[in-house]
PDB file of N, CA and C in Angstrom:
ATOM      1  N   UNK A   1       0.852  -1.171   0.000  1.00  0.00           N
ATOM      2  CA  UNK A   1       0.000   0.000   0.000  1.00  0.00           C
ATOM      3  C   UNK A   1       0.893   1.227   0.000  1.00  0.00           C
ATOM      4  N   UNK A   2       0.529   2.249  -0.753  1.00  0.00           N
ATOM      5  CA  UNK A   2       1.304   3.474  -0.843  1.00  0.00           C
ATOM      6  C   UNK A   2       1.299   4.215   0.483  1.00  0.00           C
ATOM      7  N   UNK A   3       2.382   4.970   0.699  1.00  0.00           N
ATOM      8  CA  UNK A   3       2.451   5.747   1.923  1.00  0.00           C
ATOM      9  C   UNK A   3       1.605   6.998   1.811  1.00  0.00           C
ATOM     10  N   UNK A   4       1.079   7.409   2.945  1.00  0.00           N
ATOM     11  CA  UNK A   4       0.300   8.638   3.055  1.00  0.00           C
ATOM     12  C   UNK A   4       1.211   9.771   3.486  1.00  0.00           C
ATOM     13  N   UNK A   5       0.629  10.839   4.079  1.00  0.00           N
ATOM     14  CA  UNK A   5       1.421  11.983   4.529  1.00  0.00           C
ATOM     15  C   UNK A   5       2.477  11.550   5.537  1.00  0.00           C
ATOM     16  N   UNK A   6       3.613  12.199   5.508  1.00  0.00           N
ATOM     17  CA  UNK A   6       4.716  11.967   6.438  1.00  0.00           C
ATOM     18  C   UNK A   6       5.192  10.522   6.415  1.00  0.00           C
ATOM     19  N   UNK A   7       5.013   9.824   5.291  1.00  0.00           N
ATOM     20  CA  UNK A   7       5.500   8.466   5.154  1.00  0.00           C
ATOM     21  C   UNK A   7       4.692   7.411   5.883  1.00  0.00           C
ATOM     22  N   UNK A   8       3.529   7.794   6.429  1.00  0.00           N
ATOM     23  CA  UNK A   8       2.679   6.823   7.124  1.00  0.00           C
ATOM     24  C   UNK A   8       1.942   5.972   6.094  1.00  0.00           C
ATOM     25  N   UNK A   9       1.702   4.690   6.402  1.00  0.00           N
ATOM     26  CA  UNK A   9       0.901   3.863   5.488  1.00  0.00           C
ATOM     27  C   UNK A   9      -0.470   4.510   5.299  1.00  0.00           C
ATOM     28  N   UNK A  10      -1.008   4.442   4.090  1.00  0.00           N
ATOM     29  CA  UNK A  10      -2.250   5.157   3.806  1.00  0.00           C
ATOM     30  C   UNK A  10      -3.495   4.443   4.321  1.00  0.00           C
ATOM     31  N   UNK A  11      -3.458   3.144   4.538  1.00  0.00           N
ATOM     32  CA  UNK A  11      -4.638   2.445   5.044  1.00  0.00           C
ATOM     33  C   UNK A  11      -4.656   2.527   6.564  1.00  0.00           C
ATOM     34  N   UNK A  12      -5.714   3.126   7.132  1.00  0.00           N
ATOM     35  CA  UNK A  12      -5.797   3.176   8.590  1.00  0.00           C
ATOM     36  C   UNK A  12      -6.021   1.782   9.163  1.00  0.00           C
ATOM     37  N   UNK A  13      -5.144   1.375  10.053  1.00  0.00           N
ATOM     38  CA  UNK A  13      -5.253   0.085  10.728  1.00  0.00           C
ATOM     39  C   UNK A  13      -4.899   0.277  12.198  1.00  0.00           C
ATOM     40  N   UNK A  14      -5.468  -0.529  13.080  1.00  0.00           N
ATOM     41  CA  UNK A  14      -5.118  -0.421  14.497  1.00  0.00           C
ATOM     42  C   UNK A  14      -3.611  -0.515  14.701  1.00  0.00           C
ATOM     43  N   UNK A  15      -3.110   0.328  15.595  1.00  0.00           N
ATOM     44  CA  UNK A  15      -1.680   0.327  15.891  1.00  0.00           C
ATOM     45  C   UNK A  15      -0.849   1.230  15.016  1.00  0.00           C
ATOM     46  N   UNK A  16      -1.442   1.752  13.936  1.00  0.00           N
ATOM     47  CA  UNK A  16      -0.745   2.705  13.072  1.00  0.00           C
ATOM     48  C   UNK A  16      -1.251   4.106  13.410  1.00  0.00           C
ATOM     49  N   UNK A  17      -0.393   5.113  13.349  1.00  0.00           N
ATOM     50  CA  UNK A  17      -0.892   6.480  13.539  1.00  0.00           C
ATOM     51  C   UNK A  17      -1.958   6.802  12.486  1.00  0.00           C
ATOM     52  N   UNK A  18      -3.064   7.392  12.933  1.00  0.00           N
ATOM     53  CA  UNK A  18      -4.170   7.766  12.047  1.00  0.00           C
ATOM     54  C   UNK A  18      -4.638   9.159  12.424  1.00  0.00           C
ATOM     55  N   UNK A  19      -5.546   9.714  11.625  1.00  0.00           N
ATOM     56  CA  UNK A  19      -6.114  11.016  11.972  1.00  0.00           C
ATOM     57  C   UNK A  19      -6.728  10.928  13.369  1.00  0.00           C
ATOM     58  N   UNK A  20      -6.311  11.804  14.254  1.00  0.00           N
ATOM     59  CA  UNK A  20      -6.890  11.848  15.585  1.00  0.00           C
ATOM     60  C   UNK A  20      -6.233  10.956  16.616  1.00  0.00           C
ATOM     61  N   UNK A  21      -5.262  10.147  16.221  1.00  0.00           N
ATOM     62  CA  UNK A  21      -4.625   9.249  17.193  1.00  0.00           C
ATOM     63  C   UNK A  21      -3.217   8.877  16.735  1.00  0.00           C
ATOM     64  N   UNK A  22      -2.249   9.367  17.452  1.00  0.00           N
ATOM     65  CA  UNK A  22      -0.861   9.032  17.133  1.00  0.00           C
ATOM     66  C   UNK A  22      -0.561   7.571  17.431  1.00  0.00           C
ATOM     67  N   UNK A  23      -1.329   6.967  18.346  1.00  0.00           N
ATOM     68  CA  UNK A  23      -1.082   5.575  18.710  1.00  0.00           C
ATOM     69  C   UNK A  23      -1.875   4.592  17.865  1.00  0.00           C
ATOM     70  N   UNK A  24      -2.826   5.067  17.083  1.00  0.00           N
ATOM     71  CA  UNK A  24      -3.620   4.167  16.248  1.00  0.00           C
ATOM     72  C   UNK A  24      -4.618   3.354  17.046  1.00  0.00           C
ATOM     73  N   UNK A  25      -5.265   4.002  18.031  1.00  0.00           N
ATOM     74  CA  UNK A  25      -6.308   3.298  18.779  1.00  0.00           C
ATOM     75  C   UNK A  25      -7.277   2.675  17.782  1.00  0.00           C
ATOM     76  N   UNK A  26      -7.711   1.432  18.019  1.00  0.00           N
ATOM     77  CA  UNK A  26      -8.562   0.745  17.043  1.00  0.00           C
ATOM     78  C   UNK A  26      -9.796   1.538  16.614  1.00  0.00           C
ATOM     79  N   UNK A  27     -10.494   2.170  17.544  1.00  0.00           N
ATOM     80  CA  UNK A  27     -11.703   2.915  17.167  1.00  0.00           C
ATOM     81  C   UNK A  27     -11.347   4.112  16.278  1.00  0.00           C
ATOM     82  N   UNK A  28     -10.216   4.756  16.553  1.00  0.00           N
ATOM     83  CA  UNK A  28      -9.806   5.896  15.733  1.00  0.00           C
ATOM     84  C   UNK A  28      -9.392   5.433  14.334  1.00  0.00           C
ATOM     85  N   UNK A  29      -8.732   4.281  14.257  1.00  0.00           N
ATOM     86  CA  UNK A  29      -8.367   3.740  12.942  1.00  0.00           C
ATOM     87  C   UNK A  29      -9.628   3.424  12.147  1.00  0.00           C
ATOM     88  N   UNK A  30     -10.629   2.842  12.829  1.00  0.00           N
ATOM     89  CA  UNK A  30     -11.885   2.520  12.148  1.00  0.00           C
ATOM     90  C   UNK A  30     -12.586   3.792  11.672  1.00  0.00           C
ATOM     91  N   UNK A  31     -12.665   4.806  12.538  1.00  0.00           N
ATOM     92  CA  UNK A  31     -13.303   6.067  12.146  1.00  0.00           C
ATOM     93  C   UNK A  31     -12.571   6.711  10.974  1.00  0.00           C
ATOM     94  N   UNK A  32     -11.242   6.657  10.983  1.00  0.00           N
ATOM     95  CA  UNK A  32     -10.470   7.210   9.874  1.00  0.00           C
ATOM     96  C   UNK A  32     -10.800   6.470   8.583  1.00  0.00           C
ATOM     97  N   UNK A  33     -10.819   5.145   8.643  1.00  0.00           N
ATOM     98  CA  UNK A  33     -11.121   4.350   7.444  1.00  0.00           C
ATOM     99  C   UNK A  33     -12.543   4.618   6.945  1.00  0.00           C
ATOM    100  N   UNK A  34     -13.519   4.538   7.852  1.00  0.00           N
ATOM    101  CA  UNK A  34     -14.922   4.713   7.445  1.00  0.00           C
ATOM    102  C   UNK A  34     -15.235   6.142   7.020  1.00  0.00           C
ATOM    103  N   UNK A  35     -14.430   7.099   7.483  1.00  0.00           N
ATOM    104  CA  UNK A  35     -14.671   8.498   7.148  1.00  0.00           C
ATOM    105  C   UNK A  35     -14.139   8.914   5.788  1.00  0.00           C
ATOM    106  N   UNK A  36     -13.480   8.043   5.116  1.00  0.00           N
ATOM    107  CA  UNK A  36     -12.958   8.388   3.784  1.00  0.00           C
ATOM    108  C   UNK A  36     -14.080   8.377   2.748  1.00  0.00           C
ATOM    109  N   UNK A  37     -13.948   9.291   1.787  1.00  0.00           N
ATOM    110  CA  UNK A  37     -14.962   9.390   0.742  1.00  0.00           C
ATOM    111  C   UNK A  37     -15.269   8.032   0.130  1.00  0.00           C
ATOM    112  N   UNK A  38     -16.516   7.720   0.007  1.00  0.00           N
ATOM    113  CA  UNK A  38     -17.053   6.538  -0.665  1.00  0.00           C
ATOM    114  C   UNK A  38     -16.895   5.220   0.096  1.00  0.00           C
ATOM    115  N   UNK A  39     -16.163   5.198   1.200  1.00  0.00           N
ATOM    116  CA  UNK A  39     -15.936   3.930   1.895  1.00  0.00           C
ATOM    117  C   UNK A  39     -17.236   3.316   2.391  1.00  0.00           C
ATOM    118  N   UNK A  40     -18.050   4.094   3.090  1.00  0.00           N
ATOM    119  CA  UNK A  40     -19.309   3.542   3.598  1.00  0.00           C
ATOM    120  C   UNK A  40     -20.231   3.127   2.463  1.00  0.00           C
ATOM    121  N   UNK A  41     -20.233   3.863   1.376  1.00  0.00           N
ATOM    122  CA  UNK A  41     -21.086   3.502   0.241  1.00  0.00           C
ATOM    123  C   UNK A  41     -20.653   2.174  -0.367  1.00  0.00           C
ATOM    124  N   UNK A  42     -19.353   1.971  -0.495  1.00  0.00           N
ATOM    125  CA  UNK A  42     -18.846   0.703  -1.039  1.00  0.00           C
ATOM    126  C   UNK A  42     -19.261  -0.448  -0.125  1.00  0.00           C
ATOM    127  N   UNK A  43     -19.099  -0.268   1.179  1.00  0.00           N
ATOM    128  CA  UNK A  43     -19.496  -1.309   2.130  1.00  0.00           C
ATOM    129  C   UNK A  43     -20.987  -1.565   2.023  1.00  0.00           C
ATOM    130  N   UNK A  44     -21.792  -0.500   1.964  1.00  0.00           N
ATOM    131  CA  UNK A  44     -23.247  -0.632   1.846  1.00  0.00           C
ATOM    132  C   UNK A  44     -23.623  -1.419   0.590  1.00  0.00           C
ATOM    133  N   UNK A  45     -23.037  -1.082  -0.526  1.00  0.00           N
ATOM    134  CA  UNK A  45     -23.363  -1.756  -1.787  1.00  0.00           C
ATOM    135  C   UNK A  45     -22.978  -3.230  -1.732  1.00  0.00           C
ATOM    136  N   UNK A  46     -21.848  -3.543  -1.118  1.00  0.00           N
ATOM    137  CA  UNK A  46     -21.454  -4.945  -1.015  1.00  0.00           C
ATOM    138  C   UNK A  46     -22.333  -5.709  -0.036  1.00  0.00           C
ATOM    139  N   UNK A  47     -22.909  -5.012   0.913  1.00  0.00           N
ATOM    140  CA  UNK A  47     -23.823  -5.669   1.852  1.00  0.00           C
ATOM    141  C   UNK A  47     -25.153  -6.009   1.184  1.00  0.00           C
ATOM    142  N   UNK A  48     -25.464  -5.373   0.061  1.00  0.00           N
ATOM    143  CA  UNK A  48     -26.738  -5.575  -0.627  1.00  0.00           C
ATOM    144  C   UNK A  48     -26.743  -6.762  -1.568  1.00  0.00           C
ATOM    145  N   UNK A  49     -25.553  -7.285  -1.902  1.00  0.00           N
ATOM    146  CA  UNK A  49     -25.487  -8.440  -2.806  1.00  0.00           C
ATOM    147  C   UNK A  49     -24.273  -9.291  -2.434  1.00  0.00           C
ATOM    148  N   UNK A  50     -24.313 -10.561  -2.792  1.00  0.00           N
ATOM    149  CA  UNK A  50     -23.225 -11.454  -2.393  1.00  0.00           C
ATOM    150  C   UNK A  50     -21.869 -11.085  -2.985  1.00  0.00           C
ATOM    151  N   UNK A  51     -21.847 -10.552  -4.193  1.00  0.00           N
ATOM    152  CA  UNK A  51     -20.582 -10.193  -4.840  1.00  0.00           C
ATOM    153  C   UNK A  51     -20.861  -9.159  -5.921  1.00  0.00           C
ATOM    154  N   UNK A  52     -19.861  -8.350  -6.220  1.00  0.00           N
ATOM    155  CA  UNK A  52     -20.002  -7.352  -7.278  1.00  0.00           C
ATOM    156  C   UNK A  52     -18.650  -7.147  -7.941  1.00  0.00           C
ATOM    157  N   UNK A  53     -18.666  -7.021  -9.253  1.00  0.00           N
ATOM    158  CA  UNK A  53     -17.443  -6.723  -9.982  1.00  0.00           C
ATOM    159  C   UNK A  53     -17.118  -5.238  -9.785  1.00  0.00           C
ATOM    160  N   UNK A  54     -15.915  -4.876 -10.188  1.00  0.00           N
ATOM    161  CA  UNK A  54     -15.496  -3.477 -10.093  1.00  0.00           C
ATOM    162  C   UNK A  54     -16.472  -2.577 -10.843  1.00  0.00           C
ATOM    163  N   UNK A  55     -16.806  -2.959 -12.070  1.00  0.00           N
ATOM    164  CA  UNK A  55     -17.725  -2.136 -12.885  1.00  0.00           C
ATOM    165  C   UNK A  55     -19.103  -2.036 -12.248  1.00  0.00           C
ATOM    166  N   UNK A  56     -19.599  -3.144 -11.699  1.00  0.00           N
ATOM    167  CA  UNK A  56     -20.901  -3.106 -11.028  1.00  0.00           C
ATOM    168  C   UNK A  56     -20.871  -2.159  -9.837  1.00  0.00           C
ATOM    169  N   UNK A  57     -19.806  -2.244  -9.050  1.00  0.00           N
ATOM    170  CA  UNK A  57     -19.688  -1.339  -7.907  1.00  0.00           C
ATOM    171  C   UNK A  57     -19.612   0.111  -8.359  1.00  0.00           C
ATOM    172  N   UNK A  58     -18.856   0.358  -9.395  1.00  0.00           N
ATOM    173  CA  UNK A  58     -18.729   1.728  -9.896  1.00  0.00           C
ATOM    174  C   UNK A  58     -20.080   2.267 -10.353  1.00  0.00           C
ATOM    175  N   UNK A  59     -20.884   1.447 -11.015  1.00  0.00           N
ATOM    176  CA  UNK A  59     -22.219   1.877 -11.446  1.00  0.00           C
ATOM    177  C   UNK A  59     -23.131   2.116 -10.256  1.00  0.00           C
ATOM    178  N   UNK A  60     -23.059   1.245  -9.261  1.00  0.00           N
ATOM    179  CA  UNK A  60     -23.931   1.377  -8.096  1.00  0.00           C
ATOM    180  C   UNK A  60     -23.517   2.527  -7.193  1.00  0.00           C
ATOM    181  N   UNK A  61     -22.250   2.896  -7.228  1.00  0.00           N
ATOM    182  CA  UNK A  61     -21.751   4.038  -6.448  1.00  0.00           C
ATOM    183  C   UNK A  61     -21.693   5.252  -7.371  1.00  0.00           C
ATOM    184  N   UNK A  62     -22.859   5.768  -7.704  1.00  0.00           N
ATOM    185  CA  UNK A  62     -22.978   6.885  -8.658  1.00  0.00           C
ATOM    186  C   UNK A  62     -21.893   7.934  -8.458  1.00  0.00           C
ATOM    187  N   UNK A  63     -21.139   8.144  -9.477  1.00  0.00           N
ATOM    188  CA  UNK A  63     -20.207   9.255  -9.457  1.00  0.00           C
ATOM    189  C   UNK A  63     -18.822   8.977  -8.911  1.00  0.00           C
ATOM    190  N   UNK A  64     -18.543   7.794  -8.401  1.00  0.00           N
ATOM    191  CA  UNK A  64     -17.200   7.523  -7.898  1.00  0.00           C
ATOM    192  C   UNK A  64     -16.258   7.289  -9.073  1.00  0.00           C
ATOM    193  N   UNK A  65     -15.104   7.907  -9.004  1.00  0.00           N
ATOM    194  CA  UNK A  65     -14.128   7.705 -10.079  1.00  0.00           C
ATOM    195  C   UNK A  65     -13.488   6.332  -9.925  1.00  0.00           C
ATOM    196  N   UNK A  66     -12.966   5.805 -11.017  1.00  0.00           N
ATOM    197  CA  UNK A  66     -12.343   4.483 -10.961  1.00  0.00           C
ATOM    198  C   UNK A  66     -11.116   4.502 -10.057  1.00  0.00           C
ATOM    199  N   UNK A  67     -10.383   5.610 -10.026  1.00  0.00           N
ATOM    200  CA  UNK A  67      -9.188   5.658  -9.177  1.00  0.00           C
ATOM    201  C   UNK A  67      -9.552   5.675  -7.696  1.00  0.00           C
ATOM    202  N   UNK A  68     -10.594   6.418  -7.328  1.00  0.00           N
ATOM    203  CA  UNK A  68     -11.020   6.451  -5.926  1.00  0.00           C
ATOM    204  C   UNK A  68     -11.581   5.094  -5.525  1.00  0.00           C
ATOM    205  N   UNK A  69     -12.395   4.479  -6.373  1.00  0.00           N
ATOM    206  CA  UNK A  69     -12.953   3.165  -6.062  1.00  0.00           C
ATOM    207  C   UNK A  69     -11.841   2.138  -5.890  1.00  0.00           C
ATOM    208  N   UNK A  70     -10.870   2.160  -6.782  1.00  0.00           N
ATOM    209  CA  UNK A  70      -9.752   1.219  -6.678  1.00  0.00           C
ATOM    210  C   UNK A  70      -8.992   1.431  -5.364  1.00  0.00           C
ATOM    211  N   UNK A  71      -8.789   2.678  -4.977  1.00  0.00           N
ATOM    212  CA  UNK A  71      -8.092   2.982  -3.723  1.00  0.00           C
ATOM    213  C   UNK A  71      -8.893   2.495  -2.524  1.00  0.00           C
ATOM    214  N   UNK A  72     -10.196   2.752  -2.514  1.00  0.00           N
ATOM    215  CA  UNK A  72     -11.030   2.320  -1.386  1.00  0.00           C
ATOM    216  C   UNK A  72     -11.078   0.798  -1.289  1.00  0.00           C
ATOM    217  N   UNK A  73     -11.208   0.119  -2.411  1.00  0.00           N
ATOM    218  CA  UNK A  73     -11.222  -1.343  -2.392  1.00  0.00           C
ATOM    219  C   UNK A  73      -9.887  -1.896  -1.897  1.00  0.00           C
ATOM    220  N   UNK A  74      -8.788  -1.282  -2.291  1.00  0.00           N
ATOM    221  CA  UNK A  74      -7.469  -1.727  -1.821  1.00  0.00           C
ATOM    222  C   UNK A  74      -7.357  -1.517  -0.310  1.00  0.00           C
ATOM    223  N   UNK A  75      -7.828  -0.385   0.196  1.00  0.00           N
ATOM    224  CA  UNK A  75      -7.783  -0.120   1.635  1.00  0.00           C
ATOM    225  C   UNK A  75      -8.667  -1.103   2.400  1.00  0.00           C
ATOM    226  N   UNK A  76      -9.868  -1.331   1.895  1.00  0.00           N
ATOM    227  CA  UNK A  76     -10.783  -2.259   2.560  1.00  0.00           C
ATOM    228  C   UNK A  76     -10.259  -3.688   2.514  1.00  0.00           C
ATOM    229  N   UNK A  77      -9.552  -4.039   1.445  1.00  0.00           N
ATOM    230  CA  UNK A  77      -8.929  -5.356   1.356  1.00  0.00           C
ATOM    231  C   UNK A  77      -7.799  -5.467   2.374  1.00  0.00           C
ATOM    232  N   UNK A  78      -6.963  -4.448   2.464  1.00  0.00           N
ATOM    233  CA  UNK A  78      -5.857  -4.478   3.426  1.00  0.00           C
ATOM    234  C   UNK A  78      -6.387  -4.536   4.860  1.00  0.00           C
ATOM    235  N   UNK A  79      -7.538  -3.907   5.089  1.00  0.00           N
ATOM    236  CA  UNK A  79      -8.155  -3.917   6.420  1.00  0.00           C
ATOM    237  C   UNK A  79      -8.948  -5.191   6.676  1.00  0.00           C
ATOM    238  N   UNK A  80      -8.978  -6.102   5.708  1.00  0.00           N
ATOM    239  CA  UNK A  80      -9.676  -7.394   5.808  1.00  0.00           C
ATOM    240  C   UNK A  80     -11.191  -7.238   5.961  1.00  0.00           C
ATOM    241  N   UNK A  81     -11.738  -6.204   5.341  1.00  0.00           N
ATOM    242  CA  UNK A  81     -13.183  -5.976   5.347  1.00  0.00           C
ATOM    243  C   UNK A  81     -13.794  -6.452   4.026  1.00  0.00           C
ATOM    244  N   UNK A  82     -13.022  -6.377   2.961  1.00  0.00           N
ATOM    245  CA  UNK A  82     -13.458  -6.780   1.613  1.00  0.00           C
ATOM    246  C   UNK A  82     -12.396  -7.705   1.032  1.00  0.00           C
ATOM    247  N   UNK A  83     -12.840  -8.659   0.240  1.00  0.00           N
ATOM    248  CA  UNK A  83     -11.931  -9.545  -0.491  1.00  0.00           C
ATOM    249  C   UNK A  83     -12.370  -9.611  -1.948  1.00  0.00           C
ATOM    250  N   UNK A  84     -11.409  -9.793  -2.825  1.00  0.00           N
ATOM    251  CA  UNK A  84     -11.710  -9.984  -4.244  1.00  0.00           C
ATOM    252  C   UNK A  84     -11.594 -11.458  -4.548  1.00  0.00           C
ATOM    253  N   UNK A  85     -12.669 -12.016  -5.093  1.00  0.00           N
ATOM    254  CA  UNK A  85     -12.676 -13.421  -5.460  1.00  0.00           C
ATOM    255  C   UNK A  85     -13.075 -13.591  -6.907  1.00  0.00           C
ATOM    256  N   UNK A  86     -13.382 -14.817  -7.288  1.00  0.00           N
ATOM    257  CA  UNK A  86     -13.760 -15.110  -8.670  1.00  0.00           C
ATOM    258  C   UNK A  86     -15.005 -14.357  -9.105  1.00  0.00           C
ATOM    259  N   UNK A  87     -15.978 -14.209  -8.212  1.00  0.00           N
ATOM    260  CA  UNK A  87     -17.230 -13.534  -8.554  1.00  0.00           C
ATOM    261  C   UNK A  87     -17.195 -12.031  -8.384  1.00  0.00           C
ATOM    262  N   UNK A  88     -16.052 -11.502  -7.963  1.00  0.00           N
ATOM    263  CA  UNK A  88     -15.929 -10.068  -7.743  1.00  0.00           C
ATOM    264  C   UNK A  88     -15.590  -9.787  -6.291  1.00  0.00           C
ATOM    265  N   UNK A  89     -15.957  -8.626  -5.842  1.00  0.00           N
ATOM    266  CA  UNK A  89     -15.660  -8.207  -4.478  1.00  0.00           C
ATOM    267  C   UNK A  89     -16.787  -8.627  -3.541  1.00  0.00           C
ATOM    268  N   UNK A  90     -16.399  -9.084  -2.356  1.00  0.00           N
ATOM    269  CA  UNK A  90     -17.364  -9.479  -1.338  1.00  0.00           C
ATOM    270  C   UNK A  90     -16.889  -8.974   0.018  1.00  0.00           C
ATOM    271  N   UNK A  91     -17.830  -8.898   0.949  1.00  0.00           N
ATOM    272  CA  UNK A  91     -17.466  -8.601   2.327  1.00  0.00           C
ATOM    273  C   UNK A  91     -16.896  -9.858   2.966  1.00  0.00           C
ATOM    274  N   UNK A  92     -15.898  -9.683   3.788  1.00  0.00           N
ATOM    275  CA  UNK A  92     -15.368 -10.791   4.576  1.00  0.00           C
ATOM    276  C   UNK A  92     -16.312 -11.019   5.758  1.00  0.00           C
ATOM    277  N   UNK A  93     -16.020 -12.015   6.560  1.00  0.00           N
ATOM    278  CA  UNK A  93     -16.802 -12.240   7.771  1.00  0.00           C
ATOM    279  C   UNK A  93     -16.737 -11.000   8.669  1.00  0.00           C
ATOM    280  N   UNK A  94     -15.545 -10.410   8.798  1.00  0.00           N
ATOM    281  CA  UNK A  94     -15.414  -9.175   9.579  1.00  0.00           C
ATOM    282  C   UNK A  94     -16.205  -8.037   8.946  1.00  0.00           C
ATOM    283  N   UNK A  95     -16.229  -7.984   7.625  1.00  0.00           N
ATOM    284  CA  UNK A  95     -16.996  -6.952   6.934  1.00  0.00           C
ATOM    285  C   UNK A  95     -18.488  -7.085   7.186  1.00  0.00           C
ATOM    286  N   UNK A  96     -18.981  -8.316   7.187  1.00  0.00           N
ATOM    287  CA  UNK A  96     -20.407  -8.543   7.479  1.00  0.00           C
ATOM    288  C   UNK A  96     -20.726  -8.188   8.928  1.00  0.00           C
ATOM    289  N   UNK A  97     -19.821  -8.513   9.852  1.00  0.00           N
ATOM    290  CA  UNK A  97     -20.020  -8.153  11.263  1.00  0.00           C
ATOM    291  C   UNK A  97     -20.018  -6.631  11.424  1.00  0.00           C
ATOM    292  N   UNK A  98     -19.143  -5.952  10.705  1.00  0.00           N
ATOM    293  CA  UNK A  98     -19.115  -4.487  10.745  1.00  0.00           C
ATOM    294  C   UNK A  98     -20.443  -3.914  10.269  1.00  0.00           C
ATOM    295  N   UNK A  99     -21.000  -4.461   9.195  1.00  0.00           N
ATOM    296  CA  UNK A  99     -22.300  -3.991   8.688  1.00  0.00           C
ATOM    297  C   UNK A  99     -23.389  -4.173   9.738  1.00  0.00           C
ATOM    298  N   UNK A 100     -23.394  -5.297  10.407  1.00  0.00           N
ATOM    299  CA  UNK A 100     -24.392  -5.540  11.457  1.00  0.00           C
ATOM    300  C   UNK A 100     -24.255  -4.500  12.567  1.00  0.00           C
ATOM    301  N   UNK A 101     -23.029  -4.198  12.945  1.00  0.00           N
ATOM    302  CA  UNK A 101     -22.813  -3.187  13.985  1.00  0.00           C
ATOM    303  C   UNK A 101     -23.210  -1.799  13.497  1.00  0.00           C
ATOM    304  N   UNK A 102     -22.935  -1.504  12.242  1.00  0.00           N
ATOM    305  CA  UNK A 102     -23.336  -0.196  11.692  1.00  0.00           C
ATOM    306  C   UNK A 102     -24.856  -0.055  11.650  1.00  0.00           C
ATOM    307  N   UNK A 103     -25.557  -1.140  11.400  1.00  0.00           N
ATOM    308  CA  UNK A 103     -27.029  -1.071  11.371  1.00  0.00           C
ATOM    309  C   UNK A 103     -27.582  -0.730  12.758  1.00  0.00           C
ATOM    310  N   UNK A 104     -26.875  -1.120  13.817  1.00  0.00           N
ATOM    311  CA  UNK A 104     -27.301  -0.723  15.163  1.00  0.00           C
ATOM    312  C   UNK A 104     -27.212   0.793  15.316  1.00  0.00           C
ATOM    313  N   UNK A 105     -26.252   1.396  14.644  1.00  0.00           N
ATOM    314  CA  UNK A 105     -26.154   2.856  14.684  1.00  0.00           C
ATOM    315  C   UNK A 105     -27.358   3.506  14.021  1.00  0.00           C
ATOM    316  N   UNK A 106     -27.964   2.820  13.057  1.00  0.00           N
ATOM    317  CA  UNK A 106     -29.161   3.362  12.415  1.00  0.00           C
ATOM    318  C   UNK A 106     -30.286   3.516  13.433  1.00  0.00           C
ATOM    319  N   UNK A 107     -30.429   2.564  14.330  1.00  0.00           N
ATOM    320  CA  UNK A 107     -31.445   2.648  15.379  1.00  0.00           C
ATOM    321  C   UNK A 107     -31.188   3.878  16.248  1.00  0.00           C
ATOM    322  N   UNK A 108     -29.942   4.071  16.637  1.00  0.00           N
ATOM    323  CA  UNK A 108     -29.587   5.240  17.432  1.00  0.00           C
ATOM    324  C   UNK A 108     -29.885   6.520  16.650  1.00  0.00           C
ATOM    325  N   UNK A 109     -29.521   6.544  15.379  1.00  0.00           N
ATOM    326  CA  UNK A 109     -29.735   7.727  14.553  1.00  0.00           C
ATOM    327  C   UNK A 109     -31.219   8.046  14.405  1.00  0.00           C
ATOM    328  N   UNK A 110     -32.057   7.022  14.293  1.00  0.00           N
ATOM    329  CA  UNK A 110     -33.505   7.238  14.203  1.00  0.00           C
ATOM    330  C   UNK A 110     -34.037   7.862  15.484  1.00  0.00           C
ATOM    331  N   UNK A 111     -33.578   7.365  16.634  1.00  0.00           N
ATOM    332  CA  UNK A 111     -33.994   7.955  17.919  1.00  0.00           C
ATOM    333  C   UNK A 111     -33.511   9.397  18.028  1.00  0.00           C
ATOM    334  N   UNK A 112     -32.310   9.637  17.611  1.00  0.00           N
ATOM    335  CA  UNK A 112     -31.728  10.974  17.643  1.00  0.00           C
ATOM    336  C   UNK A 112     -32.531  11.918  16.753  1.00  0.00           C
ATOM    337  N   UNK A 113     -32.879  11.455  15.561  1.00  0.00           N
ATOM    338  CA  UNK A 113     -33.669  12.281  14.637  1.00  0.00           C
ATOM    339  C   UNK A 113     -35.030  12.601  15.238  1.00  0.00           C
ATOM    340  N   UNK A 114     -35.652  11.633  15.863  1.00  0.00           N
ATOM    341  CA  UNK A 114     -36.965  11.862  16.491  1.00  0.00           C
ATOM    342  C   UNK A 114     -36.839  12.890  17.622  1.00  0.00           C
ATOM    343  N   UNK A 115     -35.800  12.779  18.434  1.00  0.00           N
ATOM    344  CA  UNK A 115     -35.609  13.730  19.535  1.00  0.00           C
ATOM    345  C   UNK A 115     -35.342  15.132  19.025  1.00  0.00           C
ATOM    346  N   UNK A 116     -34.498  15.250  18.017  1.00  0.00           N
ATOM    347  CA  UNK A 116     -34.174  16.587  17.507  1.00  0.00           C
ATOM    348  C   UNK A 116     -35.359  17.195  16.785  1.00  0.00           C
ATOM    349  N   UNK A 117     -36.176  16.350  16.119  1.00  0.00           N
ATOM    350  CA  UNK A 117     -37.360  16.872  15.435  1.00  0.00           C
ATOM    351  C   UNK A 117     -38.385  17.360  16.463  1.00  0.00           C
ATOM    352  N   UNK A 118     -38.570  16.610  17.556  1.00  0.00           N
ATOM    353  CA  UNK A 118     -39.566  17.012  18.562  1.00  0.00           C
ATOM    354  C   UNK A 118     -39.086  18.226  19.344  1.00  0.00           C
ATOM    355  N   UNK A 119     -37.783  18.397  19.531  1.00  0.00           N
ATOM    356  CA  UNK A 119     -37.298  19.564  20.260  1.00  0.00           C
ATOM    357  C   UNK A 119     -37.309  20.811  19.393  1.00  0.00           C
ATOM    358  N   UNK A 120     -37.365  20.651  18.078  1.00  0.00           N
ATOM    359  CA  UNK A 120     -37.412  21.793  17.158  1.00  0.00           C
ATOM    360  C   UNK A 120     -38.814  22.341  17.007  1.00  0.00           C
ATOM    361  N   UNK A 121     -39.806  21.594  17.481  1.00  0.00           N
ATOM    362  CA  UNK A 121     -41.209  22.021  17.312  1.00  0.00           C
ATOM    363  C   UNK A 121     -41.590  23.045  18.334  1.00  0.00           C
TER     364      UNK A 121
END
């Protein structure tokens, strides 16, 4: 994987310095990875089907350039969230577990939206 700023590896992984954490705390590494443009969309699209080719993912992720998609897939592969197989790209077991955990955040977000909407009235 290519180096990022100051010679740091570009894929955020636990134990590596990342945005917001010089020590690479696991949660900060995850937030750095998930906060990159198109990363959550790629994960979402792969969660919707068993496998997708690069072209299929690019079509489903409206507007993502091929270079950005290739970079995100490489980062997600290095992080062991996505794997490329014969049928295309798929989520790993860890990737599927991450999606399940992210869906729990949707419940929290719905409650938050309801609270903020009722307090704005």
